[in-house]
């Protein structure tokens, strides 16, 4: 069992966007804070934002701030035997791997290499 250095947790998140609707099904949305102050915008996004503010982009309603609330799961992180951190986020087979090749289950228990796994077949089909 590896040492857990960060427990798994559920995070409650709130994000905001400043929206300019150009139709009932689309428009422009820019990440912002709860006051509508836009941030983290690319150069192309900045040009579009300026077009929306100037009125060059025709909108069907005044701009508004949209609040999005969601929860997300943050996986636990353990310390591998090699000393590296391992996020205990399972792959499609339910296993987690360190860059050194050591595998773990989501509880942090080490698993044997695949080459040592036994194939089990049931002949009762």
N, C-alpha and C. Protein backbone atom coordinates (compact mmCIF):
# COMPACT_ATOMS: atom_id res chain seq x y z
N UNK A 1 0.86 -1.18 0.00
CA UNK A 1 0.00 0.00 0.00
C UNK A 1 0.90 1.24 0.00
N UNK A 2 0.59 2.17 -0.87
CA UNK A 2 1.40 3.38 -0.91
C UNK A 2 0.87 4.41 0.09
N UNK A 3 1.71 5.38 0.39
CA UNK A 3 1.32 6.45 1.31
C UNK A 3 0.51 7.48 0.52
N UNK A 4 -0.67 7.79 1.01
CA UNK A 4 -1.53 8.78 0.36
C UNK A 4 -1.02 10.18 0.77
N UNK A 5 -0.71 11.00 -0.23
CA UNK A 5 -0.21 12.34 0.07
C UNK A 5 -1.29 13.41 -0.17
N UNK A 6 -2.36 13.05 -0.85
CA UNK A 6 -3.52 13.94 -0.97
C UNK A 6 -4.77 13.07 -1.11
N UNK A 7 -5.70 13.25 -0.22
CA UNK A 7 -6.94 12.47 -0.24
C UNK A 7 -7.81 12.86 -1.43
N UNK A 8 -8.64 11.94 -1.88
CA UNK A 8 -9.64 12.24 -2.90
C UNK A 8 -10.66 13.19 -2.29
N UNK A 9 -11.24 14.01 -3.11
CA UNK A 9 -12.25 14.93 -2.59
C UNK A 9 -13.23 15.34 -3.69
N UNK A 10 -14.36 15.83 -3.24
CA UNK A 10 -15.36 16.40 -4.13
C UNK A 10 -15.27 17.91 -4.00
N UNK A 11 -15.14 18.60 -5.12
CA UNK A 11 -15.05 20.05 -5.10
C UNK A 11 -16.32 20.64 -5.70
N UNK A 12 -16.84 21.65 -5.05
CA UNK A 12 -17.99 22.38 -5.57
C UNK A 12 -17.45 23.63 -6.24
N UNK A 13 -17.75 23.81 -7.51
CA UNK A 13 -17.16 24.89 -8.29
C UNK A 13 -18.24 25.81 -8.86
N UNK A 14 -17.88 27.07 -9.01
CA UNK A 14 -18.74 28.05 -9.66
C UNK A 14 -17.91 28.78 -10.69
N UNK A 15 -18.42 28.86 -11.90
CA UNK A 15 -17.77 29.61 -12.98
C UNK A 15 -18.77 30.59 -13.54
N UNK A 16 -18.26 31.67 -14.13
CA UNK A 16 -19.11 32.69 -14.72
C UNK A 16 -18.67 32.96 -16.14
N UNK A 17 -19.62 33.37 -16.95
CA UNK A 17 -19.29 33.81 -18.31
C UNK A 17 -20.14 35.03 -18.65
N UNK A 18 -19.55 35.92 -19.43
CA UNK A 18 -20.26 37.08 -19.95
C UNK A 18 -20.74 36.70 -21.34
N UNK A 19 -22.06 36.72 -21.53
CA UNK A 19 -22.66 36.19 -22.75
C UNK A 19 -23.27 37.28 -23.61
N UNK A 20 -23.04 37.14 -24.92
CA UNK A 20 -23.62 38.00 -25.94
C UNK A 20 -24.36 37.08 -26.90
N UNK A 21 -25.67 37.02 -26.82
CA UNK A 21 -26.46 36.12 -27.66
C UNK A 21 -26.73 36.76 -29.01
N UNK A 22 -26.33 36.05 -30.08
CA UNK A 22 -26.59 36.53 -31.44
C UNK A 22 -27.81 35.84 -32.04
N UNK A 23 -28.30 34.80 -31.40
CA UNK A 23 -29.51 34.10 -31.80
C UNK A 23 -30.05 33.36 -30.57
N UNK A 24 -31.16 32.68 -30.72
CA UNK A 24 -31.70 31.93 -29.58
C UNK A 24 -30.87 30.69 -29.27
N UNK A 25 -29.97 30.32 -30.18
CA UNK A 25 -29.19 29.10 -29.95
C UNK A 25 -27.68 29.33 -30.00
N UNK A 26 -27.21 30.56 -29.98
CA UNK A 26 -25.77 30.75 -30.06
C UNK A 26 -25.35 32.18 -29.79
N UNK A 27 -24.05 32.38 -29.81
CA UNK A 27 -23.49 33.69 -29.58
C UNK A 27 -22.07 33.58 -29.07
N UNK A 28 -21.67 34.55 -28.29
CA UNK A 28 -20.33 34.61 -27.75
C UNK A 28 -20.40 34.53 -26.22
N UNK A 29 -19.43 33.83 -25.62
CA UNK A 29 -19.34 33.73 -24.17
C UNK A 29 -17.88 33.85 -23.79
N UNK A 30 -17.61 34.67 -22.77
CA UNK A 30 -16.24 34.92 -22.32
C UNK A 30 -16.15 34.65 -20.83
N UNK A 31 -15.12 33.90 -20.43
CA UNK A 31 -14.91 33.62 -19.00
C UNK A 31 -14.73 34.94 -18.26
N UNK A 32 -15.39 35.03 -17.10
CA UNK A 32 -15.31 36.26 -16.32
C UNK A 32 -15.49 35.93 -14.84
N UNK A 33 -15.37 36.97 -14.00
CA UNK A 33 -15.66 36.80 -12.58
C UNK A 33 -17.12 37.15 -12.34
N UNK A 34 -17.56 37.12 -11.09
CA UNK A 34 -18.98 37.36 -10.78
C UNK A 34 -19.42 38.79 -11.10
N UNK A 35 -18.46 39.69 -11.34
CA UNK A 35 -18.78 41.07 -11.69
C UNK A 35 -18.83 41.29 -13.21
N UNK A 36 -18.48 40.26 -13.98
CA UNK A 36 -18.48 40.39 -15.44
C UNK A 36 -17.15 40.86 -16.00
N UNK A 37 -16.10 40.86 -15.18
CA UNK A 37 -14.78 41.27 -15.65
C UNK A 37 -14.11 40.07 -16.33
N UNK A 38 -13.89 40.21 -17.63
CA UNK A 38 -13.37 39.12 -18.47
C UNK A 38 -11.89 38.90 -18.19
N UNK A 39 -11.46 37.62 -18.21
CA UNK A 39 -10.06 37.27 -17.98
C UNK A 39 -9.68 36.06 -18.82
N UNK A 40 -8.39 35.74 -18.84
CA UNK A 40 -7.85 34.58 -19.58
C UNK A 40 -8.41 34.52 -20.99
N UNK A 41 -8.18 35.54 -21.74
CA UNK A 41 -8.74 35.62 -23.08
C UNK A 41 -7.62 35.59 -24.12
N UNK A 42 -7.80 34.82 -25.17
CA UNK A 42 -6.80 34.71 -26.24
C UNK A 42 -6.86 35.98 -27.11
N UNK A 43 -5.85 36.20 -27.94
CA UNK A 43 -5.88 37.37 -28.83
C UNK A 43 -7.12 37.38 -29.73
N UNK A 44 -7.48 36.23 -30.28
CA UNK A 44 -8.69 36.16 -31.13
C UNK A 44 -9.93 36.41 -30.29
N UNK A 45 -9.96 35.86 -29.09
CA UNK A 45 -11.08 36.10 -28.19
C UNK A 45 -11.19 37.57 -27.83
N UNK A 46 -10.05 38.23 -27.62
CA UNK A 46 -10.05 39.66 -27.31
C UNK A 46 -10.66 40.46 -28.45
N UNK A 47 -10.32 40.11 -29.69
CA UNK A 47 -10.91 40.80 -30.86
C UNK A 47 -12.42 40.59 -30.90
N UNK A 48 -12.87 39.37 -30.65
CA UNK A 48 -14.31 39.09 -30.64
C UNK A 48 -15.01 39.84 -29.50
N UNK A 49 -14.37 39.87 -28.34
CA UNK A 49 -14.93 40.60 -27.19
C UNK A 49 -15.09 42.08 -27.53
N UNK A 50 -14.07 42.66 -28.12
CA UNK A 50 -14.13 44.07 -28.51
C UNK A 50 -15.22 44.32 -29.55
N UNK A 51 -15.39 43.38 -30.48
CA UNK A 51 -16.46 43.50 -31.49
C UNK A 51 -17.83 43.47 -30.81
N UNK A 52 -17.98 42.61 -29.81
CA UNK A 52 -19.26 42.53 -29.07
C UNK A 52 -19.51 43.83 -28.30
N UNK A 53 -18.49 44.34 -27.64
CA UNK A 53 -18.65 45.57 -26.85
C UNK A 53 -18.97 46.78 -27.73
N UNK A 54 -18.36 46.83 -28.92
CA UNK A 54 -18.55 47.99 -29.80
C UNK A 54 -19.90 48.00 -30.50
N UNK A 55 -20.60 46.86 -30.47
CA UNK A 55 -21.88 46.77 -31.18
C UNK A 55 -21.75 46.25 -32.60
N UNK A 56 -20.51 45.99 -33.04
CA UNK A 56 -20.29 45.44 -34.38
C UNK A 56 -21.00 44.09 -34.54
N UNK A 57 -21.01 43.30 -33.45
CA UNK A 57 -21.75 42.03 -33.43
C UNK A 57 -23.16 42.35 -32.96
N UNK A 58 -24.14 42.02 -33.77
CA UNK A 58 -25.54 42.28 -33.42
C UNK A 58 -26.05 41.19 -32.49
N UNK A 59 -26.58 41.61 -31.35
CA UNK A 59 -27.10 40.67 -30.36
C UNK A 59 -28.61 40.82 -30.23
N UNK A 60 -29.25 39.78 -29.73
CA UNK A 60 -30.72 39.80 -29.59
C UNK A 60 -31.17 40.24 -28.20
N UNK A 61 -30.23 40.41 -27.29
CA UNK A 61 -30.54 40.90 -25.93
C UNK A 61 -29.28 41.51 -25.35
N UNK A 62 -29.41 42.28 -24.30
CA UNK A 62 -28.21 42.86 -23.67
C UNK A 62 -27.31 41.75 -23.11
N UNK A 63 -26.01 42.04 -23.00
CA UNK A 63 -25.11 41.03 -22.42
C UNK A 63 -25.51 40.71 -20.98
N UNK A 64 -25.23 39.49 -20.58
CA UNK A 64 -25.59 39.05 -19.22
C UNK A 64 -24.53 38.09 -18.71
N UNK A 65 -24.47 37.97 -17.38
CA UNK A 65 -23.54 37.06 -16.72
C UNK A 65 -24.28 35.77 -16.42
N UNK A 66 -23.68 34.66 -16.81
CA UNK A 66 -24.26 33.34 -16.55
C UNK A 66 -23.41 32.64 -15.50
N UNK A 67 -24.07 32.10 -14.49
CA UNK A 67 -23.39 31.36 -13.42
C UNK A 67 -23.56 29.87 -13.67
N UNK A 68 -22.46 29.11 -13.58
CA UNK A 68 -22.50 27.65 -13.73
C UNK A 68 -21.95 27.03 -12.46
N UNK A 69 -22.74 26.19 -11.83
CA UNK A 69 -22.33 25.47 -10.63
C UNK A 69 -22.20 23.99 -10.97
N UNK A 70 -21.13 23.38 -10.50
CA UNK A 70 -20.93 21.95 -10.75
C UNK A 70 -20.02 21.38 -9.66
N UNK A 71 -19.99 20.08 -9.59
CA UNK A 71 -19.09 19.40 -8.68
C UNK A 71 -18.14 18.54 -9.51
N UNK A 72 -16.94 18.39 -9.00
CA UNK A 72 -15.99 17.51 -9.69
C UNK A 72 -15.25 16.68 -8.67
N UNK A 73 -14.85 15.51 -9.10
CA UNK A 73 -14.12 14.57 -8.26
C UNK A 73 -12.63 14.77 -8.52
N UNK A 74 -11.88 14.97 -7.47
CA UNK A 74 -10.42 15.05 -7.57
C UNK A 74 -9.88 13.76 -6.97
N UNK A 75 -9.10 13.03 -7.76
CA UNK A 75 -8.58 11.74 -7.32
C UNK A 75 -7.48 11.89 -6.28
N UNK A 76 -7.34 10.87 -5.47
CA UNK A 76 -6.27 10.84 -4.48
C UNK A 76 -4.92 10.75 -5.18
N UNK A 77 -3.88 11.19 -4.50
CA UNK A 77 -2.51 11.07 -5.01
C UNK A 77 -1.70 10.32 -3.95
N UNK A 78 -0.98 9.32 -4.41
CA UNK A 78 -0.12 8.55 -3.52
C UNK A 78 1.33 8.71 -3.92
N UNK A 79 2.22 8.30 -3.03
CA UNK A 79 3.66 8.34 -3.33
C UNK A 79 4.11 6.94 -3.71
N UNK A 80 4.57 6.79 -4.95
CA UNK A 80 5.05 5.50 -5.45
C UNK A 80 6.30 5.08 -4.69
N UNK A 81 6.63 3.81 -4.79
CA UNK A 81 7.85 3.29 -4.16
C UNK A 81 9.09 3.99 -4.70
N UNK A 82 9.01 4.50 -5.95
CA UNK A 82 10.15 5.21 -6.53
C UNK A 82 10.23 6.66 -6.05
N UNK A 83 9.20 7.11 -5.31
CA UNK A 83 9.19 8.47 -4.78
C UNK A 83 8.36 9.45 -5.57
N UNK A 84 7.90 9.06 -6.76
CA UNK A 84 7.11 9.96 -7.60
C UNK A 84 5.65 9.96 -7.17
N UNK A 85 4.95 11.07 -7.37
CA UNK A 85 3.52 11.09 -7.07
C UNK A 85 2.74 10.32 -8.13
N UNK A 86 1.69 9.61 -7.71
CA UNK A 86 0.84 8.85 -8.62
C UNK A 86 -0.60 9.26 -8.37
N UNK A 87 -1.26 9.80 -9.40
CA UNK A 87 -2.68 10.12 -9.26
C UNK A 87 -3.45 8.82 -9.38
N UNK A 88 -4.29 8.53 -8.40
CA UNK A 88 -5.01 7.26 -8.38
C UNK A 88 -6.30 7.38 -9.20
N UNK A 89 -6.11 7.75 -10.46
CA UNK A 89 -7.21 7.85 -11.42
C UNK A 89 -7.11 6.63 -12.33
N UNK A 90 -8.12 5.79 -12.31
CA UNK A 90 -8.01 4.53 -13.04
C UNK A 90 -8.08 4.70 -14.55
N UNK A 91 -7.37 3.80 -15.26
CA UNK A 91 -7.49 3.74 -16.71
C UNK A 91 -8.71 2.89 -17.04
N UNK A 92 -8.85 2.49 -18.29
CA UNK A 92 -10.05 1.73 -18.71
C UNK A 92 -10.15 0.36 -18.05
N UNK A 93 -9.05 -0.13 -17.49
CA UNK A 93 -9.08 -1.42 -16.80
C UNK A 93 -9.13 -1.26 -15.28
N UNK A 94 -9.27 -0.03 -14.80
CA UNK A 94 -9.37 0.21 -13.37
C UNK A 94 -8.04 0.28 -12.65
N UNK A 95 -6.95 0.49 -13.39
CA UNK A 95 -5.62 0.52 -12.80
C UNK A 95 -4.97 1.88 -12.96
N UNK A 96 -4.01 2.18 -12.09
CA UNK A 96 -3.28 3.45 -12.10
C UNK A 96 -1.80 3.12 -12.20
N UNK A 97 -1.06 3.88 -13.00
CA UNK A 97 0.36 3.57 -13.19
C UNK A 97 1.24 4.78 -12.91
N UNK A 98 2.37 4.51 -12.32
CA UNK A 98 3.42 5.50 -12.15
C UNK A 98 4.26 5.50 -13.43
N UNK A 99 5.01 6.57 -13.66
CA UNK A 99 5.87 6.61 -14.84
C UNK A 99 6.96 5.55 -14.80
N UNK A 100 7.27 5.03 -13.61
CA UNK A 100 8.28 3.97 -13.49
C UNK A 100 7.73 2.60 -13.90
N UNK A 101 6.41 2.51 -14.09
CA UNK A 101 5.81 1.26 -14.51
C UNK A 101 5.05 0.52 -13.42
N UNK A 102 5.23 0.92 -12.16
CA UNK A 102 4.52 0.27 -11.06
C UNK A 102 3.04 0.59 -11.17
N UNK A 103 2.21 -0.44 -11.00
CA UNK A 103 0.77 -0.26 -11.08
C UNK A 103 0.11 -0.36 -9.72
N UNK A 104 -1.03 0.32 -9.60
CA UNK A 104 -1.80 0.35 -8.36
C UNK A 104 -3.28 0.26 -8.69
N UNK A 105 -4.06 -0.20 -7.72
CA UNK A 105 -5.51 -0.07 -7.86
C UNK A 105 -5.90 1.29 -7.28
N UNK A 106 -7.17 1.63 -7.32
CA UNK A 106 -7.59 2.96 -6.89
C UNK A 106 -7.51 3.15 -5.37
N UNK A 107 -7.30 2.06 -4.62
CA UNK A 107 -7.11 2.17 -3.17
C UNK A 107 -5.63 2.37 -2.82
N UNK A 108 -4.74 2.32 -3.83
CA UNK A 108 -3.32 2.51 -3.59
C UNK A 108 -2.56 1.22 -3.31
N UNK A 109 -3.21 0.08 -3.51
CA UNK A 109 -2.52 -1.20 -3.32
C UNK A 109 -1.73 -1.52 -4.58
N UNK A 110 -0.47 -1.94 -4.42
CA UNK A 110 0.35 -2.26 -5.59
C UNK A 110 -0.15 -3.56 -6.22
N UNK A 111 0.02 -3.64 -7.53
CA UNK A 111 -0.37 -4.84 -8.27
C UNK A 111 0.86 -5.41 -8.95
N UNK A 112 0.81 -6.70 -9.21
CA UNK A 112 1.91 -7.36 -9.90
C UNK A 112 1.92 -6.94 -11.36
N UNK A 113 3.07 -7.03 -12.01
CA UNK A 113 3.14 -6.70 -13.45
C UNK A 113 2.23 -7.64 -14.25
N UNK A 114 1.71 -7.16 -15.35
CA UNK A 114 0.82 -7.96 -16.20
C UNK A 114 1.46 -9.29 -16.61
N UNK A 115 2.76 -9.28 -16.79
CA UNK A 115 3.44 -10.51 -17.22
C UNK A 115 3.30 -11.62 -16.17
N UNK A 116 2.99 -11.27 -14.94
CA UNK A 116 2.84 -12.27 -13.88
C UNK A 116 1.39 -12.64 -13.62
N UNK A 117 0.48 -12.04 -14.36
CA UNK A 117 -0.93 -12.36 -14.16
C UNK A 117 -1.22 -13.74 -14.73
N UNK A 118 -2.10 -14.47 -14.06
CA UNK A 118 -2.52 -15.77 -14.57
C UNK A 118 -3.79 -15.61 -15.38
N UNK A 119 -3.83 -16.32 -16.48
CA UNK A 119 -5.07 -16.36 -17.27
C UNK A 119 -5.95 -17.44 -16.68
N UNK A 120 -7.19 -17.11 -16.45
CA UNK A 120 -8.12 -18.10 -15.90
C UNK A 120 -9.25 -18.28 -16.88
N UNK A 121 -9.49 -19.47 -17.25
CA UNK A 121 -10.55 -19.78 -18.19
C UNK A 121 -11.53 -20.74 -17.55
N UNK A 122 -12.78 -20.52 -17.78
CA UNK A 122 -13.81 -21.41 -17.30
C UNK A 122 -14.20 -22.33 -18.46
N UNK A 123 -14.16 -23.63 -18.25
CA UNK A 123 -14.51 -24.59 -19.28
C UNK A 123 -15.98 -24.97 -19.24
N UNK A 124 -16.75 -24.31 -18.41
CA UNK A 124 -18.15 -24.69 -18.22
C UNK A 124 -19.11 -23.97 -19.16
N UNK A 125 -18.66 -23.51 -20.30
CA UNK A 125 -19.55 -22.77 -21.19
C UNK A 125 -20.45 -23.71 -21.88
